Amino acid sequence: MDLSSSKPGTVLAGEYACTFEFPIHPQKMPSSSIGTHGSVTYKVRATLHRGFPSTNVVREQIVWVMNSRLPPPGKLLLDSPVNMKQLNAKFLDKVPYICVIPSDVLFLGQQVPITIKVQATEHRVQVVRATIQLREYTTLIIESDRKHDSKGILNIELNDGWPLTEAHQSWKRSIVVPFPGAPQLTPTLKSTIIEKSHKLRLIMTVKMDSNSTNEHKVEIPIIITGPRPPGEPYPMFDLARYLDAVSFI
């Protein structure tokens, strides 16, 4: 972008600001990213052109670009349990349980509640310990070659607070997980040079009836989206209303 002055002359000491904008192409300009096999970085360069024999003044600043999938305002508002992302499974093919999150589209920096409900059966179920993980998967595309990488973003240990129940008793627990922002976490994206995907994982060590323990893993594919543009509100999230909604599950 060329900013020419109609009256070239001496630049006085002080600060000078210039507002500019440019479109971020969803395929050609993926979000900034740092990875093992390669990184995507962007720089803003400003040049002050001076006449001969003086040299030009050049300054560069690395910027973090976020190219994310933004759902329309209000789409993630929680009105009923139907809007939630729900996963049904069983411990050792015997005890059914439900894992619920507010949506499969989540924001950078969002406080995300995860609810686990174990149904009542003739088996006694006790969670000895659990871990909640958020993992980011990166595919770097170089011509016909693809390089894959993954890294852990969150690893939260939950070794206490699990209910002690007997057979024919159901139980439920909700844990609020704080998602980080950029640059620690990059929005989900798919472009011509790089792809990003995310999974939320719940790993539980469970004791059933006997004293032996078994490890059980739950993986939920999610979409991470970035902050909203200036002046556009975030969907309001009410934790109390969410907990009230999951009470019907």
Foldseek 3Di string as FASTA:
>chain_A
DDDDDPDDDDDDDDDDDDDDDDDQDQFPHAWFADDDVDTRWDKDKDWADDDPPDHIDIDIDIDTDADFDDDDAPLLADDFQVQKDKDWDADVVPKIKIWIWSHLEAEAFDWIKIKIKTAAAQKFKWWQKKKKWKKKKKWFDDPPDIDIDMDTLDIDIGRDDTDGDHHRDMDMDMDIDTHHHPPSDGWAGDYPGMGMWMKIKMWTWMDMPDPDTDIDMDIDTGGYGYDDPPPRDHHDDDVVVVVVNVVVD
